[in-house]
Amino acid sequence: MKAGTLVITVAAVLVAIAVAGCAPAQPSVTRFAPPNAAPSGDLIDSRFAATATTLKTGQVLIVGGVASEGSASASAEIYDPATGAFTRTGSLEVGRAYHTATLLADGRVLIVGGLAGSGHPVGPAEIYDPSIGRFSVTGSLTNPRYNHTATMLRNGKVLIAGGDSTSEHTTNLDTAELYDPASGTFSGTGNVKRFYDPEAGKFFTLGKMNAAHGKHTATALDDGNVLIAGGGDTGGQSEATAEIYDAVSGKFRPTGSLNVARQAQRATLLRNGDVLITGGTDAGGHVLAVAELYDPATGRFRSTTAAFRGSGTNMTDGRYEHTATMLADGRVLIAGGGDNARIVDTAELYDPARGSFSCVGGASGAAGMQCPTSMTIPRDYAAAVALPDGEVLIAGGYNFQLSMARNPVAAQGATGGTSVPFAVLWTAEVYNPAAGAFVSTKSIAHAHFGAGGS
């Protein structure tokens, strides 16, 4: 078995065990935070495959994810950058992981799709209102899905594209739909067909892309259109296919293909309008260090080494399910994720002026060498978001070090005591670009609150 294939198999085991295989009960959560709840320097609930959204207040909303007890969490919490502390907020009506969260124009947050604790994709969407700290149900997806993308359009609507429709085996979708905040409803977009549902006694529209995509990326371009790139096809095989969603016509059209088929990659819109594609796994299951740039003017992808002759480089470390966050100076922070053998605690920076990657915490090593440790701990499938002061919050995730679990026995029990035990993380850290270093939120909160923030 190839090493890369082993990594994908482990990831699949985590999804099956942590979500679908632990169908029983949702975790017990507080619906609304007690007014005198003590702030915590760590996440209040362990989670990976959660979402993090910077609110208009500058605080960060963290929602759902796979919980330490192996279910899809309904809990949510707020991170305050001013104190480095987390506090509870209202809970989801339906626990979910591998969902999306999108900040709407009015400051509310749309939560779409995901896997429920039952192992089934979630149809009903929810809205978080930060003014009252509550979630409420809004419209339902035509196709329940997870591992999809959600992209805000200039007209205020949200494009929902692709994803998987079952946890039993990979069935990635070629469907797409639009959420309209004004009506709170979803409708098909792309190649739209009208259907009649005899059980509901009403018509609905189903919209399609040119190809199926799951674990792909979707990036809003400067012209208002959306680039859909890579991901897995209907059977979960990594693909190089890319397409453009035209926000005016509501149609999808093909564009240039990726140089390397990949899924579980990350995409970042750069200041010059290009899109940086980093990492992922190829069709053979190998973890990628090759990065690419999409040029909307030409509709072509080029590797960073080809686009910047003489200065462009590949990533220092191959990684997938990592985080990629734009910094205030235009560089991109690439952190964590998994490689062919482990969960990594390394990070690197992409310089758009040179097309090159360099290690955080030390100079780039020789060819074939990995970056030195720079993060506080290894973490995969964490949630990351830029903070108003230019720092980056990276929260939760998982790794295979049981000593980092709140309850190592329960964490190992989630795998039946066999195969690969893993730890769902409740820790978080902040990257400071000025210092070029990561620091735990527990340390920040402790400095602010003393022992009460620990």
Protein backbone atom coordinates (compact mmCIF):
# COMPACT_ATOMS: atom_id res chain seq x y z
CA MET A 1 0.00 0.00 0.00
CA LYS A 2 1.33 3.43 -0.89
CA ALA A 3 2.01 5.81 1.97
CA GLY A 4 -0.27 8.45 0.52
CA THR A 5 -3.07 5.93 0.24
CA LEU A 6 -2.66 5.11 3.92
CA VAL A 7 -3.20 8.75 4.86
CA ILE A 8 -6.48 8.91 2.94
CA THR A 9 -7.61 5.64 4.52
CA VAL A 10 -6.93 7.00 8.01
CA ALA A 11 -8.90 10.16 7.22
CA ALA A 12 -11.81 8.07 5.99
CA VAL A 13 -11.70 6.01 9.19
CA LEU A 14 -11.88 9.19 11.25
CA VAL A 15 -14.96 10.38 9.38
CA ALA A 16 -16.70 7.02 9.63
CA ILE A 17 -15.92 6.46 13.30
CA ALA A 18 -16.09 9.98 14.64
CA VAL A 19 -19.34 10.90 12.93
CA ALA A 20 -21.30 8.08 11.35
CA GLY A 21 -20.23 5.30 13.69
CA CYS A 22 -21.21 7.14 16.86
CA ALA A 23 -24.78 7.85 15.95
CA PRO A 24 -26.28 7.70 19.43
CA ALA A 25 -26.69 10.90 21.31
CA GLN A 26 -25.82 14.48 20.68
CA PRO A 27 -23.44 15.96 23.26
CA SER A 28 -25.04 17.79 26.15
CA VAL A 29 -24.61 21.51 25.53
CA THR A 30 -25.78 24.76 27.06
CA ARG A 31 -28.31 26.49 24.82
CA PHE A 32 -27.35 29.97 26.01
CA ALA A 33 -24.29 31.05 27.91
CA PRO A 34 -24.83 31.74 31.61
CA PRO A 35 -24.37 35.50 32.17
CA ASN A 36 -21.54 34.87 34.65
CA ALA A 37 -19.78 32.12 32.65
CA ALA A 38 -16.04 32.24 33.28
CA PRO A 39 -13.94 32.82 30.14
CA SER A 40 -11.65 29.98 29.05
CA GLY A 41 -8.25 30.22 27.41
CA ASP A 42 -8.96 26.91 25.66
CA LEU A 43 -11.90 25.97 23.49
CA ILE A 44 -14.82 25.06 25.73
CA ASP A 45 -15.56 22.00 23.57
CA SER A 46 -13.13 19.81 21.65
CA ARG A 47 -13.80 19.87 17.91
CA PHE A 48 -12.45 19.35 14.41
CA ALA A 49 -14.13 19.91 11.04
CA ALA A 50 -15.75 22.95 12.67
CA THR A 51 -16.07 26.46 11.23
CA ALA A 52 -14.64 29.80 12.39
CA THR A 53 -16.12 33.11 11.23
CA THR A 54 -14.93 36.61 12.08
CA LEU A 55 -17.98 38.67 13.05
CA LYS A 56 -18.35 42.40 12.38
CA THR A 57 -17.53 42.98 16.05
CA GLY A 58 -14.09 41.44 15.48
CA GLN A 59 -14.96 38.43 17.62
CA VAL A 60 -14.89 34.91 16.14
CA LEU A 61 -17.83 32.48 16.05
CA ILE A 62 -16.80 28.81 16.22
CA VAL A 63 -19.53 26.30 15.38
CA GLY A 64 -20.08 22.55 15.44
CA GLY A 65 -17.53 19.96 14.38
CA VAL A 66 -16.69 16.43 15.44
CA ALA A 67 -16.68 16.37 19.24
CA SER A 68 -14.38 14.43 21.54
CA GLU A 69 -17.14 11.96 22.33
CA GLY A 70 -17.40 11.11 18.66
CA SER A 71 -20.59 12.91 17.72
CA ALA A 72 -21.43 15.93 15.60
CA SER A 73 -21.50 18.84 18.04
CA ALA A 74 -24.34 21.33 18.32
CA SER A 75 -22.32 23.68 20.51
CA ALA A 76 -20.92 27.09 19.56
CA GLU A 77 -18.59 29.52 21.24
CA ILE A 78 -17.17 33.02 20.80
CA TYR A 79 -13.47 33.91 20.79
CA ASP A 80 -12.59 37.42 21.90
CA PRO A 81 -9.21 38.57 20.45
CA ALA A 82 -9.01 41.30 23.11
CA THR A 83 -8.76 38.75 25.91
CA GLY A 84 -7.74 35.50 24.20
CA ALA A 85 -10.71 33.78 25.81
CA PHE A 86 -13.65 31.66 24.66
CA THR A 87 -17.22 31.84 26.02
CA ARG A 88 -20.34 29.90 25.10
CA THR A 89 -23.06 31.23 22.88
CA GLY A 90 -26.35 29.74 21.64
CA SER A 91 -26.42 26.18 20.25
CA LEU A 92 -27.30 24.81 16.84
CA GLU A 93 -30.70 23.18 16.42
CA VAL A 94 -28.92 20.31 14.61
CA GLY A 95 -25.37 19.17 15.46
CA ARG A 96 -23.13 19.03 12.40
CA ALA A 97 -19.54 18.70 11.17
CA TYR A 98 -17.94 19.30 7.73
CA HIS A 99 -20.44 22.13 7.22
CA THR A 100 -19.90 25.73 6.03
CA ALA A 101 -20.38 29.11 7.70
CA THR A 102 -20.78 32.33 5.72
CA LEU A 103 -20.90 35.89 7.04
CA LEU A 104 -23.90 37.63 5.46
CA ALA A 105 -24.05 41.32 4.56
CA ASP A 106 -26.20 42.12 7.61
CA GLY A 107 -23.69 40.55 10.02
CA ARG A 108 -25.54 37.30 10.62
CA VAL A 109 -23.89 33.94 9.86
CA LEU A 110 -25.37 31.26 7.60
CA ILE A 111 -24.64 27.64 8.60
CA VAL A 112 -25.23 25.14 5.77
CA GLY A 113 -25.07 21.36 5.42
CA GLY A 114 -22.68 19.06 7.24
CA LEU A 115 -22.90 15.57 8.72
CA ALA A 116 -25.24 15.00 11.65
CA GLY A 117 -24.52 12.66 14.55
CA SER A 118 -26.64 10.07 12.74
CA GLY A 119 -24.11 10.03 9.90
CA HIS A 120 -26.60 11.57 7.48
CA PRO A 121 -26.05 14.88 5.63
CA VAL A 122 -28.01 17.79 7.08
CA GLY A 123 -30.65 19.56 4.98
CA PRO A 124 -31.98 22.39 7.19
CA ALA A 125 -29.76 25.48 7.34
CA GLU A 126 -29.46 27.81 10.32
CA ILE A 127 -28.77 31.49 10.91
CA TYR A 128 -26.76 32.86 13.83
CA ASP A 129 -27.74 36.33 15.00
CA PRO A 130 -24.85 37.84 17.01
CA SER A 131 -27.09 40.56 18.45
CA ILE A 132 -29.01 37.95 20.48
CA GLY A 133 -26.55 35.04 20.45
CA ARG A 134 -29.04 32.59 18.96
CA PHE A 135 -29.37 30.17 16.05
CA SER A 136 -32.65 29.79 14.17
CA VAL A 137 -33.66 27.49 11.33
CA THR A 138 -33.94 28.96 7.85
CA GLY A 139 -34.57 27.21 4.50
CA SER A 140 -33.49 23.67 3.64
CA LEU A 141 -31.07 22.52 0.95
CA THR A 142 -32.55 20.79 -2.07
CA ASN A 143 -29.65 18.33 -1.78
CA PRO A 144 -28.40 17.75 1.78
CA ARG A 145 -24.59 17.70 1.62
CA TYR A 146 -21.26 18.01 3.42
CA ASN A 147 -17.68 18.70 2.25
CA HIS A 148 -19.24 21.32 -0.01
CA THR A 149 -18.36 25.00 -0.44
CA ALA A 150 -20.31 28.18 0.31
CA THR A 151 -19.33 31.44 -1.36
CA MET A 152 -20.77 34.92 -0.82
CA LEU A 153 -21.73 36.68 -4.06
CA ARG A 154 -21.85 40.42 -4.66
CA ASN A 155 -25.64 40.40 -4.74
CA GLY A 156 -25.72 39.07 -1.18
CA LYS A 157 -26.75 35.54 -2.13
CA VAL A 158 -24.61 32.51 -1.22
CA LEU A 159 -23.48 29.89 -3.76
CA ILE A 160 -23.54 26.32 -2.38
CA ALA A 161 -21.62 23.93 -4.63
CA GLY A 162 -20.84 20.21 -4.70
CA GLY A 163 -20.09 18.11 -1.65
CA ASP A 164 -20.93 14.55 -0.64
CA SER A 165 -24.44 13.18 -0.19
CA THR A 166 -23.81 10.09 1.95
CA SER A 167 -21.36 8.93 4.62
CA GLU A 168 -21.62 5.26 3.63
CA HIS A 169 -19.47 5.72 0.51
CA THR A 170 -18.38 8.65 -1.61
CA THR A 171 -21.17 10.11 -3.73
CA ASN A 172 -19.98 13.59 -4.61
CA LEU A 173 -22.52 15.91 -6.19
CA ASP A 174 -22.56 17.98 -9.36
CA THR A 175 -25.44 20.09 -8.05
CA ALA A 176 -25.39 23.73 -6.94
CA GLU A 177 -27.89 26.03 -5.28
CA LEU A 178 -28.27 29.61 -4.12
CA TYR A 179 -29.35 30.81 -0.70
CA ASP A 180 -31.31 34.08 -0.73
CA PRO A 181 -31.14 35.86 2.66
CA ALA A 182 -34.16 37.99 1.71
CA SER A 183 -36.48 34.99 1.42
CA GLY A 184 -34.52 32.47 3.50
CA THR A 185 -34.80 29.89 0.71
CA PHE A 186 -32.55 27.78 -1.52
CA SER A 187 -32.99 27.41 -5.28
CA GLY A 188 -31.05 25.64 -8.01
CA THR A 189 -28.46 27.44 -10.12
CA GLY A 190 -26.29 26.48 -13.08
CA ASN A 191 -27.92 24.10 -15.55
CA VAL A 192 -31.36 24.29 -13.95
CA LYS A 193 -34.18 21.79 -14.38
CA ARG A 194 -37.63 21.94 -12.80
CA PHE A 195 -39.01 18.90 -11.00
CA TYR A 196 -42.23 18.02 -9.24
CA ASP A 197 -42.21 16.41 -5.79
CA PRO A 198 -45.44 14.39 -5.46
CA GLU A 199 -44.96 13.86 -1.71
CA ALA A 200 -44.61 17.57 -1.01
CA GLY A 201 -47.02 18.48 -3.76
CA LYS A 202 -44.81 21.23 -5.18
CA PHE A 203 -42.20 22.02 -7.80
CA PHE A 204 -38.51 22.60 -7.10
CA THR A 205 -35.47 23.44 -9.22
CA LEU A 206 -32.27 21.43 -9.42
CA GLY A 207 -29.13 23.18 -10.65
CA LYS A 208 -25.98 21.48 -11.90
CA MET A 209 -22.31 22.20 -12.46
CA ASN A 210 -20.27 20.73 -15.32
CA ALA A 211 -18.75 18.09 -13.02
CA ALA A 212 -19.07 16.69 -9.52
CA HIS A 213 -16.80 18.17 -6.84
CA GLY A 214 -16.24 17.25 -3.19
CA LYS A 215 -13.47 18.46 -0.85
CA HIS A 216 -12.82 21.07 -3.53
CA THR A 217 -12.27 24.82 -3.30
CA ALA A 218 -14.47 27.76 -4.31
CA THR A 219 -13.00 31.25 -4.54
CA ALA A 220 -14.81 34.53 -5.21
CA LEU A 221 -12.81 36.34 -7.89
CA ASP A 222 -12.35 40.09 -8.27
CA ASP A 223 -14.83 40.16 -11.17
CA GLY A 224 -17.59 38.71 -8.98
CA ASN A 225 -17.46 35.24 -10.48
CA VAL A 226 -16.45 32.08 -8.57
CA LEU A 227 -13.65 29.61 -9.34
CA ILE A 228 -14.53 25.98 -8.49
CA ALA A 229 -11.35 23.87 -8.54
CA GLY A 230 -10.45 20.23 -8.13
CA GLY A 231 -11.83 17.99 -5.43
CA GLY A 232 -13.11 14.46 -5.76
CA ASP A 233 -15.30 13.22 -8.62
CA THR A 234 -18.49 11.18 -8.15
CA GLY A 235 -16.46 8.24 -6.85
CA GLY A 236 -14.08 10.31 -4.74
CA GLN A 237 -11.12 10.20 -7.14
CA SER A 238 -9.04 13.39 -7.16
CA GLU A 239 -9.68 15.46 -10.29
CA ALA A 240 -8.06 18.37 -12.11
CA THR A 241 -11.34 19.79 -13.41
CA ALA A 242 -12.09 23.46 -12.77
CA GLU A 243 -15.01 25.67 -13.72
CA ILE A 244 -16.26 29.24 -13.35
CA TYR A 245 -19.64 30.24 -11.93
CA ASP A 246 -20.88 33.35 -13.73
CA ALA A 247 -22.76 35.28 -11.09
CA VAL A 248 -24.67 37.33 -13.67
CA SER A 249 -25.96 34.49 -15.86
CA GLY A 250 -26.09 31.91 -13.07
CA LYS A 251 -24.29 29.40 -15.31
CA PHE A 252 -21.12 27.33 -14.95
CA ARG A 253 -18.52 27.20 -17.71
CA PRO A 254 -15.28 25.21 -17.96
CA THR A 255 -11.94 26.91 -17.45
CA GLY A 256 -8.35 25.65 -17.53
CA SER A 257 -7.55 22.48 -15.60
CA LEU A 258 -5.26 22.14 -12.62
CA ASN A 259 -1.79 20.85 -13.46
CA VAL A 260 -2.18 18.22 -10.75
CA ALA A 261 -5.46 16.52 -9.79
CA ARG A 262 -6.09 17.20 -6.10
CA GLN A 263 -8.63 17.25 -3.28
CA ALA A 264 -8.55 18.52 0.33
CA GLN A 265 -6.43 21.41 -0.95
CA ARG A 266 -6.80 25.07 0.01
CA ALA A 267 -7.32 28.14 -2.21
CA THR A 268 -6.49 31.77 -1.41
CA LEU A 269 -7.35 34.89 -3.45
CA LEU A 270 -4.20 37.02 -3.72
CA ARG A 271 -4.13 40.80 -3.95
CA ASN A 272 -3.27 40.73 -7.67
CA GLY A 273 -6.43 38.72 -8.39
CA ASP A 274 -4.71 35.36 -8.88
CA VAL A 275 -5.73 32.31 -6.83
CA LEU A 276 -3.12 30.28 -4.93
CA ILE A 277 -3.83 26.54 -4.69
CA THR A 278 -1.84 24.69 -2.02
CA GLY A 279 -1.44 21.05 -1.05
CA GLY A 280 -4.06 18.32 -1.14
CA THR A 281 -3.84 14.71 -2.26
CA ASP A 282 -3.49 13.52 -5.85
CA ALA A 283 -5.23 10.69 -7.70
CA GLY A 284 -2.79 8.19 -6.19
CA GLY A 285 -3.42 9.38 -2.66
CA HIS A 286 -0.04 11.10 -2.38
CA VAL A 287 0.17 14.30 -0.35
CA LEU A 288 1.22 17.25 -2.51
CA ALA A 289 3.85 19.95 -2.04
CA VAL A 290 3.20 21.35 -5.53
CA ALA A 291 1.39 24.71 -5.51
CA GLU A 292 -0.41 26.36 -8.43
CA LEU A 293 -1.63 29.82 -9.42
CA TYR A 294 -4.83 30.48 -11.37
CA ASP A 295 -4.84 33.58 -13.56
CA PRO A 296 -8.43 34.74 -14.25
CA ALA A 297 -7.25 36.80 -17.24
CA THR A 298 -5.96 33.72 -19.10
CA GLY A 299 -8.06 31.04 -17.43
CA ARG A 300 -4.91 28.98 -16.87
CA PHE A 301 -3.20 27.30 -13.92
CA ARG A 302 0.59 27.38 -13.62
CA SER A 303 2.83 25.94 -10.94
CA THR A 304 4.54 28.50 -8.73
CA THR A 305 7.88 27.30 -10.09
CA ALA A 306 6.78 27.94 -13.67
CA ALA A 307 5.10 31.26 -12.91
CA PHE A 308 8.21 32.61 -11.13
CA ARG A 309 11.26 31.34 -12.97
CA GLY A 310 14.27 31.54 -10.72
CA SER A 311 12.46 32.47 -7.48
CA GLY A 312 9.33 30.33 -7.38
CA THR A 313 9.36 27.20 -5.21
CA ASN A 314 7.17 24.32 -4.23
CA MET A 315 5.80 24.19 -0.69
CA THR A 316 8.42 23.29 1.90
CA ASP A 317 6.14 20.55 3.27
CA GLY A 318 3.50 18.52 1.50
CA ARG A 319 0.20 18.78 3.39
CA TYR A 320 -3.56 18.37 3.11
CA GLU A 321 -6.51 19.42 5.29
CA HIS A 322 -4.28 22.30 6.40
CA THR A 323 -5.20 25.96 6.85
CA ALA A 324 -4.37 28.83 4.48
CA THR A 325 -4.94 32.40 5.67
CA MET A 326 -4.16 35.72 4.01
CA LEU A 327 -2.07 38.09 6.13
CA ALA A 328 -2.39 41.88 6.13
CA ASP A 329 0.83 42.23 4.11
CA GLY A 330 -0.43 39.94 1.33
CA ARG A 331 1.53 36.85 2.33
CA VAL A 332 -0.30 33.58 3.01
CA LEU A 333 0.14 31.52 6.18
CA ILE A 334 0.00 27.77 5.50
CA ALA A 335 -0.25 25.77 8.74
CA GLY A 336 -0.71 22.24 10.02
CA GLY A 337 -2.48 19.46 8.16
CA GLY A 338 -1.30 15.94 7.42
CA ASP A 339 1.54 14.62 5.32
CA ASN A 340 2.21 11.06 4.14
CA ALA A 341 2.93 9.79 7.63
CA ARG A 342 1.73 12.13 10.36
CA ILE A 343 -0.12 15.23 11.51
CA VAL A 344 2.31 18.16 11.32
CA ASP A 345 3.13 21.04 13.64
CA THR A 346 4.89 23.07 10.97
CA ALA A 347 3.88 26.21 9.11
CA GLU A 348 5.16 28.13 6.09
CA LEU A 349 4.61 31.49 4.44
CA TYR A 350 3.93 32.12 0.75
CA ASP A 351 5.48 35.30 -0.68
CA PRO A 352 3.37 36.44 -3.69
CA ALA A 353 6.16 38.76 -4.90
CA ARG A 354 8.58 35.85 -5.41
CA GLY A 355 6.24 32.89 -5.69
CA SER A 356 8.18 31.18 -2.93
CA PHE A 357 7.50 29.38 0.35
CA SER A 358 9.61 29.68 3.50
CA CYS A 359 9.34 28.02 6.91
CA VAL A 360 7.93 29.74 9.95
CA GLY A 361 10.36 29.27 12.83
CA GLY A 362 13.48 28.82 10.74
CA ALA A 363 14.96 28.96 7.26
CA SER A 364 13.77 26.49 4.65
CA GLY A 365 15.64 23.21 4.88
CA ALA A 366 17.45 21.42 2.10
CA ALA A 367 15.52 19.57 -0.57
CA GLY A 368 13.42 16.84 1.00
CA MET A 369 13.67 18.38 4.48
CA GLN A 370 10.63 19.56 6.43
CA CYS A 371 10.13 22.84 8.23
CA PRO A 372 11.08 22.93 11.93
CA THR A 373 8.34 22.78 14.55
CA SER A 374 6.66 26.17 14.87
CA MET A 375 3.06 25.56 15.99
CA THR A 376 2.26 24.81 19.63
CA ILE A 377 1.00 21.30 18.69
CA PRO A 378 0.27 19.24 15.55
CA ARG A 379 -3.26 19.79 14.24
CA ASP A 380 -5.24 18.61 11.22
CA TYR A 381 -8.61 19.91 10.01
CA ALA A 382 -8.44 22.92 12.32
CA ALA A 383 -10.46 26.11 11.79
CA ALA A 384 -8.47 29.25 10.97
CA VAL A 385 -9.44 32.88 10.51
CA ALA A 386 -7.71 36.26 10.23
CA LEU A 387 -8.26 38.57 13.20
CA PRO A 388 -8.80 42.35 12.96
CA ASP A 389 -5.33 43.08 14.38
CA GLY A 390 -3.62 41.07 11.63
CA GLU A 391 -3.02 37.94 13.70
CA VAL A 392 -4.43 34.50 12.78
CA LEU A 393 -6.49 32.26 15.07
CA ILE A 394 -6.14 28.49 14.54
CA ALA A 395 -8.55 26.48 16.68
CA GLY A 396 -9.22 22.81 17.34
CA GLY A 397 -8.39 20.02 14.91
CA TYR A 398 -7.17 16.54 15.69
CA ASN A 399 -3.92 14.59 15.94
CA PHE A 400 -2.79 11.14 17.00
CA GLN A 401 -1.27 12.13 20.35
CA LEU A 402 -3.72 10.85 22.96
CA SER A 403 -1.97 12.79 25.72
CA MET A 404 -3.52 15.90 24.17
CA ALA A 405 -7.07 14.63 24.58
CA ARG A 406 -9.18 15.76 27.54
CA ASN A 407 -10.17 12.14 28.02
CA PRO A 408 -7.57 9.79 26.45
CA VAL A 409 -9.51 6.67 27.40
CA ALA A 410 -12.67 7.94 25.68
CA ALA A 411 -10.62 9.10 22.69
CA GLN A 412 -9.09 5.66 22.26
CA GLY A 413 -12.46 4.05 22.87
CA ALA A 414 -13.86 5.98 19.90
CA THR A 415 -11.76 3.74 17.67
CA GLY A 416 -12.77 0.56 19.47
CA GLY A 417 -9.30 0.35 21.00
CA THR A 418 -7.87 -0.73 17.66
CA SER A 419 -6.39 0.79 14.50
CA VAL A 420 -5.46 4.45 14.93
CA PRO A 421 -6.49 6.19 18.17
CA PHE A 422 -6.75 9.94 17.82
CA ALA A 423 -7.26 13.03 19.95
CA VAL A 424 -9.82 15.71 19.16
CA LEU A 425 -8.31 19.00 20.31
CA TRP A 426 -9.73 21.70 22.56
CA THR A 427 -6.67 23.96 22.26
CA ALA A 428 -6.18 27.00 20.04
CA GLU A 429 -3.26 29.21 19.06
CA VAL A 430 -2.60 32.57 17.49
CA TYR A 431 0.04 33.41 14.88
CA ASN A 432 1.64 36.83 15.30
CA PRO A 433 3.16 37.99 11.98
CA ALA A 434 5.31 40.65 13.66
CA ALA A 435 6.95 38.10 15.95
CA GLY A 436 6.78 35.30 13.38
CA ALA A 437 5.60 32.93 16.10
CA PHE A 438 2.61 31.02 17.44
CA VAL A 439 1.33 31.38 21.00
CA SER A 440 -1.46 29.47 22.72
CA THR A 441 -4.69 31.30 23.49
CA LYS A 442 -4.41 29.84 26.99
CA SER A 443 -1.25 31.90 27.51
CA ILE A 444 -2.97 35.03 26.19
CA ALA A 445 -6.03 34.54 28.41
CA HIS A 446 -3.86 33.73 31.43
CA ALA A 447 -1.98 37.02 30.95
CA HIS A 448 -5.31 38.86 30.82
CA PHE A 449 -7.32 37.04 33.52
CA GLY A 450 -4.65 35.34 35.59
CA ALA A 451 -5.48 31.81 36.72
CA GLY A 452 -9.18 32.40 35.92
CA GLY A 453 -8.42 32.29 32.21
CA SER A 454 -6.69 28.92 32.32
